[in-house]
Amino acid sequence: MIAKTIRTPYYAVIFSSIRSEEDSGYAEMADEMIELAHSQPGFLGVESARNELGITVSYWESIDAIKKWQEHPAHKIAQQRGKEDWYKKYAVRICKVDSDYFFEK
């Protein structure tokens, strides 16, 4: 599903990852983090796709909202589990969205 965002500007956090073989608890934690993100002030939406490379883009009203999410205690636990168990490699990129457009048939 394509996330519905607000008028620009807003911010995107792009999380690109390559998973390890370890899978224990990953799906449950991912679902929990998405549900928790939806309840955070400033959260606008999320889009995700996974093959060999996984990409999740979350959208936020402000840099401050992103920082608060990054420091959320439950998210910190998920980040640590990701480093220890679930990811071989990942990158996080934070971008300001100055312009956007959509198409729908």
N, C-alpha and C. Protein backbone atom coordinates (compact mmCIF):
# COMPACT_ATOMS: atom_id res chain seq x y z
N MET A 1 0.84 -1.17 0.00
CA MET A 1 0.00 0.00 0.00
C MET A 1 0.89 1.24 0.00
N ILE A 2 0.49 2.24 -0.74
CA ILE A 2 1.23 3.50 -0.77
C ILE A 2 0.73 4.37 0.38
N ALA A 3 1.67 4.87 1.17
CA ALA A 3 1.33 5.69 2.34
C ALA A 3 0.71 7.01 1.90
N LYS A 4 -0.27 7.45 2.65
CA LYS A 4 -0.87 8.77 2.43
C LYS A 4 -0.12 9.75 3.32
N THR A 5 0.48 10.73 2.72
CA THR A 5 1.29 11.69 3.45
C THR A 5 0.61 13.06 3.45
N ILE A 6 1.24 13.99 4.15
CA ILE A 6 0.71 15.36 4.23
C ILE A 6 1.36 16.20 3.14
N ARG A 7 0.98 17.42 3.09
CA ARG A 7 1.65 18.35 2.17
C ARG A 7 3.12 18.47 2.53
N THR A 8 3.91 18.65 1.52
CA THR A 8 5.35 18.82 1.74
C THR A 8 5.59 20.17 2.42
N PRO A 9 6.69 20.29 3.15
CA PRO A 9 7.71 19.27 3.36
C PRO A 9 7.36 18.33 4.51
N TYR A 10 7.89 17.12 4.41
CA TYR A 10 7.85 16.13 5.48
C TYR A 10 9.13 15.32 5.34
N TYR A 11 9.30 14.30 6.13
CA TYR A 11 10.57 13.56 6.16
C TYR A 11 10.35 12.07 5.92
N ALA A 12 11.32 11.45 5.30
CA ALA A 12 11.30 10.02 5.04
C ALA A 12 12.53 9.38 5.68
N VAL A 13 12.31 8.27 6.36
CA VAL A 13 13.40 7.45 6.89
C VAL A 13 13.42 6.19 6.04
N ILE A 14 14.52 5.99 5.34
CA ILE A 14 14.67 4.83 4.45
C ILE A 14 15.59 3.83 5.14
N PHE A 15 15.04 2.65 5.41
CA PHE A 15 15.78 1.58 6.08
C PHE A 15 15.97 0.45 5.06
N SER A 16 17.21 0.27 4.60
CA SER A 16 17.55 -0.78 3.65
C SER A 16 18.31 -1.86 4.40
N SER A 17 17.96 -3.13 4.16
CA SER A 17 18.59 -4.18 4.95
C SER A 17 18.77 -5.47 4.18
N ILE A 18 19.76 -6.22 4.63
CA ILE A 18 19.99 -7.59 4.19
C ILE A 18 19.90 -8.44 5.44
N ARG A 19 18.99 -9.40 5.43
CA ARG A 19 18.71 -10.22 6.59
C ARG A 19 19.74 -11.33 6.78
N SER A 20 19.88 -11.75 8.02
CA SER A 20 20.69 -12.92 8.35
C SER A 20 19.78 -14.15 8.24
N GLU A 21 20.31 -15.31 8.54
CA GLU A 21 19.53 -16.54 8.51
C GLU A 21 18.58 -16.62 9.71
N GLU A 22 18.91 -15.95 10.80
CA GLU A 22 18.11 -15.98 12.03
C GLU A 22 16.76 -15.33 11.78
N ASP A 23 15.69 -16.01 12.18
CA ASP A 23 14.36 -15.50 11.93
C ASP A 23 13.49 -15.45 13.19
N SER A 24 13.97 -16.01 14.26
CA SER A 24 13.18 -16.17 15.47
C SER A 24 12.70 -14.83 16.02
N GLY A 25 11.38 -14.63 16.00
CA GLY A 25 10.78 -13.43 16.55
C GLY A 25 10.75 -12.23 15.64
N TYR A 26 11.34 -12.34 14.45
CA TYR A 26 11.46 -11.18 13.56
C TYR A 26 10.08 -10.65 13.11
N ALA A 27 9.24 -11.53 12.58
CA ALA A 27 7.95 -11.09 12.05
C ALA A 27 7.09 -10.45 13.13
N GLU A 28 7.11 -11.03 14.31
CA GLU A 28 6.33 -10.49 15.41
C GLU A 28 6.83 -9.10 15.81
N MET A 29 8.14 -8.96 15.89
CA MET A 29 8.72 -7.66 16.25
C MET A 29 8.44 -6.62 15.18
N ALA A 30 8.56 -7.00 13.91
CA ALA A 30 8.28 -6.06 12.82
C ALA A 30 6.84 -5.58 12.89
N ASP A 31 5.89 -6.50 13.10
CA ASP A 31 4.49 -6.11 13.22
C ASP A 31 4.27 -5.19 14.42
N GLU A 32 4.91 -5.52 15.53
CA GLU A 32 4.78 -4.71 16.75
C GLU A 32 5.32 -3.30 16.52
N MET A 33 6.46 -3.18 15.83
CA MET A 33 7.06 -1.86 15.59
C MET A 33 6.19 -1.02 14.67
N ILE A 34 5.59 -1.63 13.66
CA ILE A 34 4.71 -0.87 12.76
C ILE A 34 3.49 -0.38 13.52
N GLU A 35 2.91 -1.26 14.32
CA GLU A 35 1.75 -0.87 15.13
C GLU A 35 2.11 0.26 16.10
N LEU A 36 3.27 0.14 16.75
CA LEU A 36 3.71 1.16 17.69
C LEU A 36 4.00 2.48 16.98
N ALA A 37 4.63 2.42 15.81
CA ALA A 37 4.94 3.64 15.05
C ALA A 37 3.67 4.41 14.73
N HIS A 38 2.60 3.69 14.39
CA HIS A 38 1.32 4.34 14.06
C HIS A 38 0.79 5.18 15.22
N SER A 39 1.17 4.86 16.44
CA SER A 39 0.68 5.60 17.59
C SER A 39 1.61 6.75 18.00
N GLN A 40 2.71 6.93 17.28
CA GLN A 40 3.68 7.97 17.65
C GLN A 40 3.30 9.32 17.05
N PRO A 41 3.43 10.38 17.84
CA PRO A 41 3.16 11.72 17.29
C PRO A 41 4.07 12.00 16.10
N GLY A 42 3.50 12.50 15.03
CA GLY A 42 4.27 12.87 13.85
C GLY A 42 4.43 11.76 12.83
N PHE A 43 3.97 10.54 13.12
CA PHE A 43 4.07 9.44 12.16
C PHE A 43 3.01 9.63 11.08
N LEU A 44 3.41 9.47 9.81
CA LEU A 44 2.49 9.67 8.69
C LEU A 44 2.14 8.39 7.96
N GLY A 45 3.05 7.42 7.92
CA GLY A 45 2.78 6.19 7.19
C GLY A 45 4.06 5.42 6.94
N VAL A 46 3.89 4.24 6.32
CA VAL A 46 5.03 3.36 6.06
C VAL A 46 4.77 2.54 4.81
N GLU A 47 5.83 2.25 4.09
CA GLU A 47 5.81 1.38 2.92
C GLU A 47 6.98 0.42 3.05
N SER A 48 6.76 -0.85 2.65
CA SER A 48 7.82 -1.83 2.84
C SER A 48 7.78 -2.88 1.74
N ALA A 49 8.95 -3.34 1.34
CA ALA A 49 9.08 -4.42 0.35
C ALA A 49 10.33 -5.22 0.70
N ARG A 50 10.26 -6.54 0.45
CA ARG A 50 11.41 -7.38 0.76
C ARG A 50 11.55 -8.48 -0.27
N ASN A 51 12.74 -8.61 -0.80
CA ASN A 51 13.23 -9.76 -1.53
C ASN A 51 14.56 -10.08 -0.87
N GLU A 52 15.62 -10.15 -1.65
CA GLU A 52 16.95 -10.30 -1.07
C GLU A 52 17.31 -9.05 -0.27
N LEU A 53 16.91 -7.90 -0.80
CA LEU A 53 17.09 -6.61 -0.14
C LEU A 53 15.75 -6.15 0.38
N GLY A 54 15.70 -5.74 1.64
CA GLY A 54 14.47 -5.19 2.20
C GLY A 54 14.57 -3.68 2.27
N ILE A 55 13.48 -3.01 1.94
CA ILE A 55 13.44 -1.55 2.04
C ILE A 55 12.13 -1.17 2.73
N THR A 56 12.27 -0.43 3.82
CA THR A 56 11.11 0.12 4.52
C THR A 56 11.30 1.62 4.58
N VAL A 57 10.27 2.35 4.15
CA VAL A 57 10.30 3.80 4.19
C VAL A 57 9.18 4.24 5.13
N SER A 58 9.56 4.96 6.18
CA SER A 58 8.55 5.54 7.06
C SER A 58 8.56 7.05 6.87
N TYR A 59 7.38 7.64 7.02
CA TYR A 59 7.21 9.07 6.77
C TYR A 59 6.82 9.76 8.07
N TRP A 60 7.42 10.95 8.27
CA TRP A 60 7.27 11.68 9.54
C TRP A 60 7.09 13.16 9.27
N GLU A 61 6.38 13.82 10.18
CA GLU A 61 6.15 15.26 10.06
C GLU A 61 7.40 16.09 10.30
N SER A 62 8.31 15.58 11.15
CA SER A 62 9.47 16.40 11.54
C SER A 62 10.66 15.54 11.94
N ILE A 63 11.80 16.17 11.96
CA ILE A 63 13.03 15.52 12.45
C ILE A 63 12.87 15.18 13.93
N ASP A 64 12.22 16.05 14.68
CA ASP A 64 12.01 15.80 16.10
C ASP A 64 11.19 14.52 16.31
N ALA A 65 10.15 14.30 15.51
CA ALA A 65 9.34 13.08 15.61
C ALA A 65 10.19 11.85 15.31
N ILE A 66 11.08 11.96 14.33
CA ILE A 66 11.98 10.85 13.99
C ILE A 66 12.91 10.55 15.15
N LYS A 67 13.49 11.57 15.76
CA LYS A 67 14.41 11.38 16.88
C LYS A 67 13.70 10.72 18.06
N LYS A 68 12.47 11.15 18.34
CA LYS A 68 11.71 10.54 19.44
C LYS A 68 11.42 9.08 19.15
N TRP A 69 11.09 8.74 17.91
CA TRP A 69 10.86 7.34 17.54
C TRP A 69 12.16 6.54 17.67
N GLN A 70 13.25 7.10 17.22
CA GLN A 70 14.54 6.42 17.30
C GLN A 70 14.90 6.09 18.75
N GLU A 71 14.49 6.93 19.69
CA GLU A 71 14.83 6.75 21.10
C GLU A 71 13.73 6.04 21.91
N HIS A 72 12.63 5.68 21.28
CA HIS A 72 11.54 5.00 22.00
C HIS A 72 12.09 3.69 22.59
N PRO A 73 11.83 3.41 23.86
CA PRO A 73 12.40 2.22 24.52
C PRO A 73 12.13 0.90 23.79
N ALA A 74 10.92 0.69 23.30
CA ALA A 74 10.62 -0.56 22.59
C ALA A 74 11.35 -0.62 21.25
N HIS A 75 11.48 0.54 20.59
CA HIS A 75 12.20 0.58 19.32
C HIS A 75 13.69 0.33 19.55
N LYS A 76 14.22 0.82 20.65
CA LYS A 76 15.64 0.56 20.99
C LYS A 76 15.89 -0.94 21.14
N ILE A 77 14.94 -1.65 21.77
CA ILE A 77 15.08 -3.10 21.93
C ILE A 77 15.07 -3.78 20.55
N ALA A 78 14.16 -3.35 19.68
CA ALA A 78 14.09 -3.91 18.33
C ALA A 78 15.39 -3.63 17.56
N GLN A 79 15.92 -2.43 17.71
CA GLN A 79 17.18 -2.09 17.04
C GLN A 79 18.31 -3.01 17.49
N GLN A 80 18.37 -3.26 18.79
CA GLN A 80 19.43 -4.11 19.33
C GLN A 80 19.29 -5.55 18.83
N ARG A 81 18.06 -6.06 18.84
CA ARG A 81 17.83 -7.42 18.32
C ARG A 81 18.22 -7.50 16.85
N GLY A 82 17.90 -6.44 16.09
CA GLY A 82 18.28 -6.41 14.68
C GLY A 82 19.78 -6.53 14.50
N LYS A 83 20.53 -5.77 15.28
CA LYS A 83 21.99 -5.81 15.19
C LYS A 83 22.55 -7.17 15.60
N GLU A 84 21.98 -7.74 16.65
CA GLU A 84 22.50 -9.01 17.18
C GLU A 84 22.06 -10.22 16.37
N ASP A 85 20.82 -10.21 15.86
CA ASP A 85 20.25 -11.43 15.31
C ASP A 85 19.79 -11.37 13.86
N TRP A 86 19.11 -10.32 13.45
CA TRP A 86 18.32 -10.37 12.23
C TRP A 86 18.97 -9.79 10.98
N TYR A 87 19.97 -8.94 11.12
CA TYR A 87 20.52 -8.28 9.94
C TYR A 87 22.01 -8.57 9.77
N LYS A 88 22.39 -8.83 8.52
CA LYS A 88 23.80 -8.91 8.16
C LYS A 88 24.33 -7.49 7.94
N LYS A 89 23.46 -6.67 7.36
CA LYS A 89 23.87 -5.31 6.99
C LYS A 89 22.62 -4.46 6.87
N TYR A 90 22.74 -3.18 7.24
CA TYR A 90 21.64 -2.26 6.99
C TYR A 90 22.16 -0.83 6.87
N ALA A 91 21.33 0.01 6.29
CA ALA A 91 21.63 1.44 6.17
C ALA A 91 20.35 2.21 6.48
N VAL A 92 20.50 3.34 7.14
CA VAL A 92 19.38 4.22 7.44
C VAL A 92 19.69 5.58 6.81
N ARG A 93 18.74 6.07 6.04
CA ARG A 93 18.89 7.37 5.41
C ARG A 93 17.67 8.22 5.77
N ILE A 94 17.91 9.47 6.13
CA ILE A 94 16.83 10.38 6.49
C ILE A 94 16.82 11.51 5.48
N CYS A 95 15.66 11.73 4.87
CA CYS A 95 15.56 12.70 3.78
C CYS A 95 14.39 13.66 4.03
N LYS A 96 14.56 14.88 3.60
CA LYS A 96 13.46 15.84 3.59
C LYS A 96 12.78 15.74 2.23
N VAL A 97 11.47 15.57 2.24
CA VAL A 97 10.69 15.49 1.01
C VAL A 97 10.15 16.89 0.73
N ASP A 98 10.66 17.49 -0.33
CA ASP A 98 10.24 18.84 -0.71
C ASP A 98 9.12 18.84 -1.73
N SER A 99 8.98 17.72 -2.44
CA SER A 99 7.98 17.65 -3.49
C SER A 99 7.55 16.20 -3.64
N ASP A 100 6.29 15.99 -3.97
CA ASP A 100 5.81 14.65 -4.27
C ASP A 100 4.63 14.73 -5.22
N TYR A 101 4.33 13.64 -5.87
CA TYR A 101 3.13 13.54 -6.69
C TYR A 101 2.72 12.09 -6.76
N PHE A 102 1.44 11.87 -7.04
CA PHE A 102 0.88 10.53 -7.03
C PHE A 102 0.07 10.30 -8.28
N PHE A 103 -0.05 9.05 -8.66
CA PHE A 103 -0.89 8.63 -9.77
C PHE A 103 -1.73 7.45 -9.30
N GLU A 104 -2.98 7.44 -9.70
CA GLU A 104 -3.85 6.31 -9.38
C GLU A 104 -4.88 6.19 -10.48
N LYS A 105 -5.08 4.97 -10.99
CA LYS A 105 -6.11 4.71 -12.01
C LYS A 105 -7.41 4.43 -11.34
